Amino acid sequence: MILDHAAASETDFLVYTGHFCGYCRALKNLLQTKELTFTEHNFDENPPEMRAAVVQATGHRTVPVVFDLRGEQPMFIGGFDETKRYLK
């Protein structure tokens, strides 16, 4: 599923988010401030199988879940804190 989302995206990052998530809003603001594009998939607006597949692939159980798509293969970064450190 992640690879399908990454292949369909023509942006710098792929992010999985949830409603009422302060870290998700902060992540989107961070990416926009750095003029990086992203494709967002909100777990609350999709079937539960999406979240289960992302958790199974990454082991990351909270949102946001962030992938860098700028390289040859999608690279899992983590959540907001990891992405903030990664982009410094």
PDB file of N, CA and C in Angstrom:
ATOM      1  N   MET A   1       0.826  -1.193   0.000  1.00  0.00           N
ATOM      2  CA  MET A   1       0.000   0.000   0.000  1.00  0.00           C
ATOM      3  C   MET A   1       0.871   1.259   0.000  1.00  0.00           C
ATOM      4  N   ILE A   2       1.879   1.282   0.841  1.00  0.00           N
ATOM      5  CA  ILE A   2       2.753   2.456   0.914  1.00  0.00           C
ATOM      6  C   ILE A   2       3.442   2.681  -0.428  1.00  0.00           C
ATOM      7  N   LEU A   3       3.936   1.610  -1.024  1.00  0.00           N
ATOM      8  CA  LEU A   3       4.614   1.754  -2.314  1.00  0.00           C
ATOM      9  C   LEU A   3       3.656   2.239  -3.393  1.00  0.00           C
ATOM     10  N   ASP A   4       2.399   1.810  -3.334  1.00  0.00           N
ATOM     11  CA  ASP A   4       1.395   2.294  -4.292  1.00  0.00           C
ATOM     12  C   ASP A   4       1.158   3.785  -4.096  1.00  0.00           C
ATOM     13  N   HIS A   5       1.012   4.208  -2.846  1.00  0.00           N
ATOM     14  CA  HIS A   5       0.810   5.630  -2.554  1.00  0.00           C
ATOM     15  C   HIS A   5       2.026   6.439  -2.987  1.00  0.00           C
ATOM     16  N   ALA A   6       3.208   5.917  -2.723  1.00  0.00           N
ATOM     17  CA  ALA A   6       4.443   6.623  -3.102  1.00  0.00           C
ATOM     18  C   ALA A   6       4.551   6.730  -4.619  1.00  0.00           C
ATOM     19  N   ALA A   7       4.238   5.652  -5.337  1.00  0.00           N
ATOM     20  CA  ALA A   7       4.335   5.657  -6.798  1.00  0.00           C
ATOM     21  C   ALA A   7       3.339   6.630  -7.419  1.00  0.00           C
ATOM     22  N   ALA A   8       2.176   6.772  -6.795  1.00  0.00           N
ATOM     23  CA  ALA A   8       1.141   7.658  -7.321  1.00  0.00           C
ATOM     24  C   ALA A   8       1.407   9.124  -6.984  1.00  0.00           C
ATOM     25  N   SER A   9       2.317   9.358  -6.081  1.00  0.00           N
ATOM     26  CA  SER A   9       2.609  10.711  -5.620  1.00  0.00           C
ATOM     27  C   SER A   9       3.727  11.339  -6.442  1.00  0.00           C
ATOM     28  N   GLU A  10       3.576  12.602  -6.728  1.00  0.00           N
ATOM     29  CA  GLU A  10       4.644  13.344  -7.410  1.00  0.00           C
ATOM     30  C   GLU A  10       5.142  14.466  -6.506  1.00  0.00           C
ATOM     31  N   THR A  11       5.206  14.157  -5.219  1.00  0.00           N
ATOM     32  CA  THR A  11       5.608  15.146  -4.221  1.00  0.00           C
ATOM     33  C   THR A  11       6.885  14.697  -3.530  1.00  0.00           C
ATOM     34  N   ASP A  12       7.416  15.577  -2.682  1.00  0.00           N
ATOM     35  CA  ASP A  12       8.645  15.286  -1.947  1.00  0.00           C
ATOM     36  C   ASP A  12       8.434  14.273  -0.824  1.00  0.00           C
ATOM     37  N   PHE A  13       7.279  14.342  -0.170  1.00  0.00           N
ATOM     38  CA  PHE A  13       7.005  13.517   1.002  1.00  0.00           C
ATOM     39  C   PHE A  13       5.623  12.890   0.911  1.00  0.00           C
ATOM     40  N   LEU A  14       5.482  11.756   1.578  1.00  0.00           N
ATOM     41  CA  LEU A  14       4.212  11.066   1.756  1.00  0.00           C
ATOM     42  C   LEU A  14       3.945  11.065   3.245  1.00  0.00           C
ATOM     43  N   VAL A  15       2.779  11.556   3.653  1.00  0.00           N
ATOM     44  CA  VAL A  15       2.466  11.616   5.080  1.00  0.00           C
ATOM     45  C   VAL A  15       1.102  10.995   5.348  1.00  0.00           C
ATOM     46  N   TYR A  16       1.042  10.253   6.432  1.00  0.00           N
ATOM     47  CA  TYR A  16      -0.209   9.682   6.923  1.00  0.00           C
ATOM     48  C   TYR A  16      -0.560  10.444   8.190  1.00  0.00           C
ATOM     49  N   THR A  17      -1.796  10.913   8.257  1.00  0.00           N
ATOM     50  CA  THR A  17      -2.210  11.792   9.352  1.00  0.00           C
ATOM     51  C   THR A  17      -3.527  11.311   9.964  1.00  0.00           C
ATOM     52  N   GLY A  18      -3.980  12.052  10.962  1.00  0.00           N
ATOM     53  CA  GLY A  18      -5.274  11.823  11.589  1.00  0.00           C
ATOM     54  C   GLY A  18      -5.901  13.157  11.953  1.00  0.00           C
ATOM     55  N   HIS A  19      -7.217  13.141  12.115  1.00  0.00           N
ATOM     56  CA  HIS A  19      -7.916  14.356  12.556  1.00  0.00           C
ATOM     57  C   HIS A  19      -7.489  14.700  13.990  1.00  0.00           C
ATOM     58  N   PHE A  20      -7.601  15.950  14.349  1.00  0.00           N
ATOM     59  CA  PHE A  20      -7.341  16.417  15.712  1.00  0.00           C
ATOM     60  C   PHE A  20      -5.940  16.071  16.188  1.00  0.00           C
ATOM     61  N   CYS A  21      -4.983  16.110  15.274  1.00  0.00           N
ATOM     62  CA  CYS A  21      -3.599  15.750  15.588  1.00  0.00           C
ATOM     63  C   CYS A  21      -2.732  16.998  15.475  1.00  0.00           C
ATOM     64  N   GLY A  22      -2.295  17.511  16.605  1.00  0.00           N
ATOM     65  CA  GLY A  22      -1.451  18.698  16.616  1.00  0.00           C
ATOM     66  C   GLY A  22      -0.113  18.477  15.931  1.00  0.00           C
ATOM     67  N   TYR A  23       0.449  17.290  16.109  1.00  0.00           N
ATOM     68  CA  TYR A  23       1.725  16.989  15.458  1.00  0.00           C
ATOM     69  C   TYR A  23       1.569  16.917  13.936  1.00  0.00           C
ATOM     70  N   CYS A  24       0.411  16.475  13.482  1.00  0.00           N
ATOM     71  CA  CYS A  24       0.156  16.427  12.033  1.00  0.00           C
ATOM     72  C   CYS A  24       0.107  17.841  11.455  1.00  0.00           C
ATOM     73  N   ARG A  25      -0.576  18.738  12.148  1.00  0.00           N
ATOM     74  CA  ARG A  25      -0.628  20.142  11.703  1.00  0.00           C
ATOM     75  C   ARG A  25       0.769  20.760  11.728  1.00  0.00           C
ATOM     76  N   ALA A  26       1.526  20.483  12.785  1.00  0.00           N
ATOM     77  CA  ALA A  26       2.882  21.017  12.888  1.00  0.00           C
ATOM     78  C   ALA A  26       3.770  20.474  11.761  1.00  0.00           C
ATOM     79  N   LEU A  27       3.607  19.212  11.418  1.00  0.00           N
ATOM     80  CA  LEU A  27       4.385  18.612  10.334  1.00  0.00           C
ATOM     81  C   LEU A  27       4.074  19.300   9.014  1.00  0.00           C
ATOM     82  N   LYS A  28       2.799  19.476   8.719  1.00  0.00           N
ATOM     83  CA  LYS A  28       2.415  20.118   7.456  1.00  0.00           C
ATOM     84  C   LYS A  28       2.942  21.548   7.399  1.00  0.00           C
ATOM     85  N   ASN A  29       2.886  22.259   8.512  1.00  0.00           N
ATOM     86  CA  ASN A  29       3.447  23.616   8.558  1.00  0.00           C
ATOM     87  C   ASN A  29       4.951  23.603   8.323  1.00  0.00           C
ATOM     88  N   LEU A  30       5.656  22.646   8.933  1.00  0.00           N
ATOM     89  CA  LEU A  30       7.102  22.516   8.761  1.00  0.00           C
ATOM     90  C   LEU A  30       7.444  22.283   7.293  1.00  0.00           C
ATOM     91  N   LEU A  31       6.760  21.355   6.649  1.00  0.00           N
ATOM     92  CA  LEU A  31       7.037  21.059   5.244  1.00  0.00           C
ATOM     93  C   LEU A  31       6.744  22.266   4.356  1.00  0.00           C
ATOM     94  N   GLN A  32       5.634  22.942   4.627  1.00  0.00           N
ATOM     95  CA  GLN A  32       5.283  24.126   3.832  1.00  0.00           C
ATOM     96  C   GLN A  32       6.297  25.243   4.030  1.00  0.00           C
ATOM     97  N   THR A  33       6.750  25.437   5.261  1.00  0.00           N
ATOM     98  CA  THR A  33       7.751  26.467   5.552  1.00  0.00           C
ATOM     99  C   THR A  33       9.038  26.204   4.782  1.00  0.00           C
ATOM    100  N   LYS A  34       9.392  24.933   4.639  1.00  0.00           N
ATOM    101  CA  LYS A  34      10.613  24.566   3.921  1.00  0.00           C
ATOM    102  C   LYS A  34      10.366  24.397   2.417  1.00  0.00           C
ATOM    103  N   GLU A  35       9.150  24.750   1.990  1.00  0.00           N
ATOM    104  CA  GLU A  35       8.753  24.680   0.574  1.00  0.00           C
ATOM    105  C   GLU A  35       8.923  23.277   0.005  1.00  0.00           C
ATOM    106  N   LEU A  36       8.539  22.282   0.818  1.00  0.00           N
ATOM    107  CA  LEU A  36       8.556  20.887   0.398  1.00  0.00           C
ATOM    108  C   LEU A  36       7.115  20.437   0.167  1.00  0.00           C
ATOM    109  N   THR A  37       6.894  19.713  -0.903  1.00  0.00           N
ATOM    110  CA  THR A  37       5.545  19.258  -1.219  1.00  0.00           C
ATOM    111  C   THR A  37       5.275  17.919  -0.538  1.00  0.00           C
ATOM    112  N   PHE A  38       3.991  17.632  -0.318  1.00  0.00           N
ATOM    113  CA  PHE A  38       3.631  16.365   0.314  1.00  0.00           C
ATOM    114  C   PHE A  38       2.259  15.904  -0.152  1.00  0.00           C
ATOM    115  N   THR A  39       2.098  14.603  -0.124  1.00  0.00           N
ATOM    116  CA  THR A  39       0.810  13.964  -0.356  1.00  0.00           C
ATOM    117  C   THR A  39       0.341  13.436   0.987  1.00  0.00           C
ATOM    118  N   GLU A  40      -0.902  13.741   1.330  1.00  0.00           N
ATOM    119  CA  GLU A  40      -1.445  13.366   2.630  1.00  0.00           C
ATOM    120  C   GLU A  40      -2.540  12.330   2.482  1.00  0.00           C
ATOM    121  N   HIS A  41      -2.475  11.307   3.328  1.00  0.00           N
ATOM    122  CA  HIS A  41      -3.546  10.324   3.454  1.00  0.00           C
ATOM    123  C   HIS A  41      -3.966  10.335   4.917  1.00  0.00           C
ATOM    124  N   ASN A  42      -5.225  10.677   5.166  1.00  0.00           N
ATOM    125  CA  ASN A  42      -5.730  10.765   6.531  1.00  0.00           C
ATOM    126  C   ASN A  42      -6.356   9.429   6.925  1.00  0.00           C
ATOM    127  N   PHE A  43      -5.847   8.814   7.992  1.00  0.00           N
ATOM    128  CA  PHE A  43      -6.368   7.527   8.442  1.00  0.00           C
ATOM    129  C   PHE A  43      -7.848   7.600   8.804  1.00  0.00           C
ATOM    130  N   ASP A  44      -8.296   8.740   9.308  1.00  0.00           N
ATOM    131  CA  ASP A  44      -9.691   8.875   9.732  1.00  0.00           C
ATOM    132  C   ASP A  44     -10.652   8.929   8.551  1.00  0.00           C
ATOM    133  N   GLU A  45     -10.139   9.144   7.353  1.00  0.00           N
ATOM    134  CA  GLU A  45     -10.980   9.247   6.169  1.00  0.00           C
ATOM    135  C   GLU A  45     -10.832   8.026   5.260  1.00  0.00           C
ATOM    136  N   ASN A  46     -10.159   6.987   5.751  1.00  0.00           N
ATOM    137  CA  ASN A  46      -9.908   5.789   4.964  1.00  0.00           C
ATOM    138  C   ASN A  46     -10.228   4.542   5.780  1.00  0.00           C
ATOM    139  N   PRO A  47     -10.358   3.395   5.102  1.00  0.00           N
ATOM    140  CA  PRO A  47     -10.649   2.149   5.830  1.00  0.00           C
ATOM    141  C   PRO A  47      -9.547   1.816   6.834  1.00  0.00           C
ATOM    142  N   PRO A  48      -9.899   1.129   7.927  1.00  0.00           N
ATOM    143  CA  PRO A  48      -8.918   0.782   8.959  1.00  0.00           C
ATOM    144  C   PRO A  48      -7.753  -0.060   8.425  1.00  0.00           C
ATOM    145  N   GLU A  49      -7.965  -0.747   7.321  1.00  0.00           N
ATOM    146  CA  GLU A  49      -6.908  -1.567   6.743  1.00  0.00           C
ATOM    147  C   GLU A  49      -5.696  -0.725   6.342  1.00  0.00           C
ATOM    148  N   MET A  50      -5.940   0.539   5.976  1.00  0.00           N
ATOM    149  CA  MET A  50      -4.820   1.407   5.600  1.00  0.00           C
ATOM    150  C   MET A  50      -3.894   1.606   6.783  1.00  0.00           C
ATOM    151  N   ARG A  51      -4.457   1.958   7.912  1.00  0.00           N
ATOM    152  CA  ARG A  51      -3.642   2.178   9.110  1.00  0.00           C
ATOM    153  C   ARG A  51      -2.914   0.897   9.494  1.00  0.00           C
ATOM    154  N   ALA A  52      -3.617  -0.231   9.449  1.00  0.00           N
ATOM    155  CA  ALA A  52      -3.012  -1.514   9.808  1.00  0.00           C
ATOM    156  C   ALA A  52      -1.828  -1.826   8.893  1.00  0.00           C
ATOM    157  N   ALA A  53      -1.947  -1.555   7.613  1.00  0.00           N
ATOM    158  CA  ALA A  53      -0.861  -1.823   6.664  1.00  0.00           C
ATOM    159  C   ALA A  53       0.345  -0.941   6.938  1.00  0.00           C
ATOM    160  N   VAL A  54       0.095   0.329   7.268  1.00  0.00           N
ATOM    161  CA  VAL A  54       1.204   1.251   7.555  1.00  0.00           C
ATOM    162  C   VAL A  54       1.902   0.856   8.853  1.00  0.00           C
ATOM    163  N   VAL A  55       1.134   0.498   9.864  1.00  0.00           N
ATOM    164  CA  VAL A  55       1.730   0.063  11.138  1.00  0.00           C
ATOM    165  C   VAL A  55       2.542  -1.213  10.920  1.00  0.00           C
ATOM    166  N   GLN A  56       2.004  -2.142  10.148  1.00  0.00           N
ATOM    167  CA  GLN A  56       2.719  -3.390   9.890  1.00  0.00           C
ATOM    168  C   GLN A  56       4.036  -3.131   9.152  1.00  0.00           C
ATOM    169  N   ALA A  57       4.014  -2.206   8.193  1.00  0.00           N
ATOM    170  CA  ALA A  57       5.207  -1.917   7.395  1.00  0.00           C
ATOM    171  C   ALA A  57       6.269  -1.145   8.166  1.00  0.00           C
ATOM    172  N   THR A  58       5.824  -0.284   9.105  1.00  0.00           N
ATOM    173  CA  THR A  58       6.770   0.624   9.759  1.00  0.00           C
ATOM    174  C   THR A  58       6.973   0.357  11.247  1.00  0.00           C
ATOM    175  N   GLY A  59       6.000  -0.255  11.904  1.00  0.00           N
ATOM    176  CA  GLY A  59       6.043  -0.413  13.349  1.00  0.00           C
ATOM    177  C   GLY A  59       5.682   0.866  14.079  1.00  0.00           C
ATOM    178  N   HIS A  60       5.356   1.912  13.328  1.00  0.00           N
ATOM    179  CA  HIS A  60       5.026   3.232  13.889  1.00  0.00           C
ATOM    180  C   HIS A  60       3.512   3.298  14.112  1.00  0.00           C
ATOM    181  N   ARG A  61       3.083   3.428  15.363  1.00  0.00           N
ATOM    182  CA  ARG A  61       1.660   3.340  15.694  1.00  0.00           C
ATOM    183  C   ARG A  61       0.963   4.687  15.851  1.00  0.00           C
ATOM    184  N   THR A  62       1.705   5.766  15.849  1.00  0.00           N
ATOM    185  CA  THR A  62       1.091   7.084  16.023  1.00  0.00           C
ATOM    186  C   THR A  62       1.189   7.883  14.728  1.00  0.00           C
ATOM    187  N   VAL A  63       0.431   8.958  14.659  1.00  0.00           N
ATOM    188  CA  VAL A  63       0.505   9.860  13.506  1.00  0.00           C
ATOM    189  C   VAL A  63       1.235  11.122  13.922  1.00  0.00           C
ATOM    190  N   PRO A  64       1.876  11.769  12.993  1.00  0.00           N
ATOM    191  CA  PRO A  64       1.998  11.441  11.581  1.00  0.00           C
ATOM    192  C   PRO A  64       3.030  10.342  11.329  1.00  0.00           C
ATOM    193  N   VAL A  65       2.908   9.741  10.141  1.00  0.00           N
ATOM    194  CA  VAL A  65       3.889   8.779   9.643  1.00  0.00           C
ATOM    195  C   VAL A  65       4.442   9.385   8.357  1.00  0.00           C
ATOM    196  N   VAL A  66       5.749   9.542   8.287  1.00  0.00           N
ATOM    197  CA  VAL A  66       6.358  10.337   7.211  1.00  0.00           C
ATOM    198  C   VAL A  66       7.363   9.510   6.403  1.00  0.00           C
ATOM    199  N   PHE A  67       7.266   9.659   5.075  1.00  0.00           N
ATOM    200  CA  PHE A  67       8.209   9.043   4.139  1.00  0.00           C
ATOM    201  C   PHE A  67       8.792  10.121   3.238  1.00  0.00           C
ATOM    202  N   ASP A  68      10.093  10.056   3.031  1.00  0.00           N
ATOM    203  CA  ASP A  68      10.774  10.935   2.075  1.00  0.00           C
ATOM    204  C   ASP A  68      10.742  10.229   0.722  1.00  0.00           C
ATOM    205  N   LEU A  69      10.191  10.885  -0.288  1.00  0.00           N
ATOM    206  CA  LEU A  69      10.059  10.294  -1.622  1.00  0.00           C
ATOM    207  C   LEU A  69      11.083  10.837  -2.606  1.00  0.00           C
ATOM    208  N   ARG A  70      12.039  11.609  -2.130  1.00  0.00           N
ATOM    209  CA  ARG A  70      12.968  12.269  -3.043  1.00  0.00           C
ATOM    210  C   ARG A  70      14.063  11.354  -3.573  1.00  0.00           C
ATOM    211  N   GLY A  71      14.262  10.203  -2.991  1.00  0.00           N
ATOM    212  CA  GLY A  71      15.303   9.285  -3.446  1.00  0.00           C
ATOM    213  C   GLY A  71      14.747   8.212  -4.360  1.00  0.00           C
ATOM    214  N   GLU A  72      15.573   7.209  -4.597  1.00  0.00           N
ATOM    215  CA  GLU A  72      15.176   6.089  -5.463  1.00  0.00           C
ATOM    216  C   GLU A  72      13.996   5.316  -4.885  1.00  0.00           C
ATOM    217  N   GLN A  73      14.032   5.088  -3.575  1.00  0.00           N
ATOM    218  CA  GLN A  73      12.984   4.346  -2.877  1.00  0.00           C
ATOM    219  C   GLN A  73      12.412   5.219  -1.761  1.00  0.00           C
ATOM    220  N   PRO A  74      11.119   5.032  -1.435  1.00  0.00           N
ATOM    221  CA  PRO A  74      10.562   5.760  -0.290  1.00  0.00           C
ATOM    222  C   PRO A  74      11.342   5.420   0.975  1.00  0.00           C
ATOM    223  N   MET A  75      11.688   6.438   1.753  1.00  0.00           N
ATOM    224  CA  MET A  75      12.433   6.223   2.982  1.00  0.00           C
ATOM    225  C   MET A  75      11.569   6.626   4.173  1.00  0.00           C
ATOM    226  N   PHE A  76      11.312   5.667   5.062  1.00  0.00           N
ATOM    227  CA  PHE A  76      10.546   5.935   6.273  1.00  0.00           C
ATOM    228  C   PHE A  76      11.383   6.791   7.211  1.00  0.00           C
ATOM    229  N   ILE A  77      10.806   7.912   7.646  1.00  0.00           N
ATOM    230  CA  ILE A  77      11.514   8.804   8.563  1.00  0.00           C
ATOM    231  C   ILE A  77      11.024   8.605   9.994  1.00  0.00           C
ATOM    232  N   GLY A  78       9.727   8.568  10.192  1.00  0.00           N
ATOM    233  CA  GLY A  78       9.145   8.456  11.528  1.00  0.00           C
ATOM    234  C   GLY A  78       7.986   9.419  11.654  1.00  0.00           C
ATOM    235  N   GLY A  79       7.920  10.091  12.810  1.00  0.00           N
ATOM    236  CA  GLY A  79       6.862  11.053  13.070  1.00  0.00           C
ATOM    237  C   GLY A  79       7.368  12.482  12.966  1.00  0.00           C
ATOM    238  N   PHE A  80       6.690  13.399  13.650  1.00  0.00           N
ATOM    239  CA  PHE A  80       7.039  14.815  13.574  1.00  0.00           C
ATOM    240  C   PHE A  80       8.444  15.083  14.104  1.00  0.00           C
ATOM    241  N   ASP A  81       8.759  14.580  15.302  1.00  0.00           N
ATOM    242  CA  ASP A  81      10.067  14.874  15.909  1.00  0.00           C
ATOM    243  C   ASP A  81      11.212  14.379  15.033  1.00  0.00           C
ATOM    244  N   GLU A  82      11.072  13.169  14.506  1.00  0.00           N
ATOM    245  CA  GLU A  82      12.125  12.609  13.654  1.00  0.00           C
ATOM    246  C   GLU A  82      12.262  13.414  12.361  1.00  0.00           C
ATOM    247  N   THR A  83      11.138  13.838  11.818  1.00  0.00           N
ATOM    248  CA  THR A  83      11.165  14.622  10.570  1.00  0.00           C
ATOM    249  C   THR A  83      11.795  15.985  10.802  1.00  0.00           C
ATOM    250  N   LYS A  84      11.496  16.600  11.925  1.00  0.00           N
ATOM    251  CA  LYS A  84      12.084  17.903  12.252  1.00  0.00           C
ATOM    252  C   LYS A  84      13.603  17.786  12.341  1.00  0.00           C
ATOM    253  N   ARG A  85      14.094  16.750  12.997  1.00  0.00           N
ATOM    254  CA  ARG A  85      15.553  16.525  13.102  1.00  0.00           C
ATOM    255  C   ARG A  85      16.127  16.199  11.717  1.00  0.00           C
ATOM    256  N   TYR A  86      15.442  15.407  10.950  1.00  0.00           N
ATOM    257  CA  TYR A  86      15.889  14.965   9.625  1.00  0.00           C
ATOM    258  C   TYR A  86      16.062  16.152   8.680  1.00  0.00           C
ATOM    259  N   LEU A  87      15.200  17.146   8.789  1.00  0.00           N
ATOM    260  CA  LEU A  87      15.217  18.276   7.855  1.00  0.00           C
ATOM    261  C   LEU A  87      16.133  19.414   8.292  1.00  0.00           C
ATOM    262  N   LYS A  88      16.814  19.310   9.406  1.00  0.00           N
ATOM    263  CA  LYS A  88      17.714  20.392   9.850  1.00  0.00           C
ATOM    264  C   LYS A  88      18.910  20.516   8.965  1.00  0.00           C
TER     265      LYS A  88
END
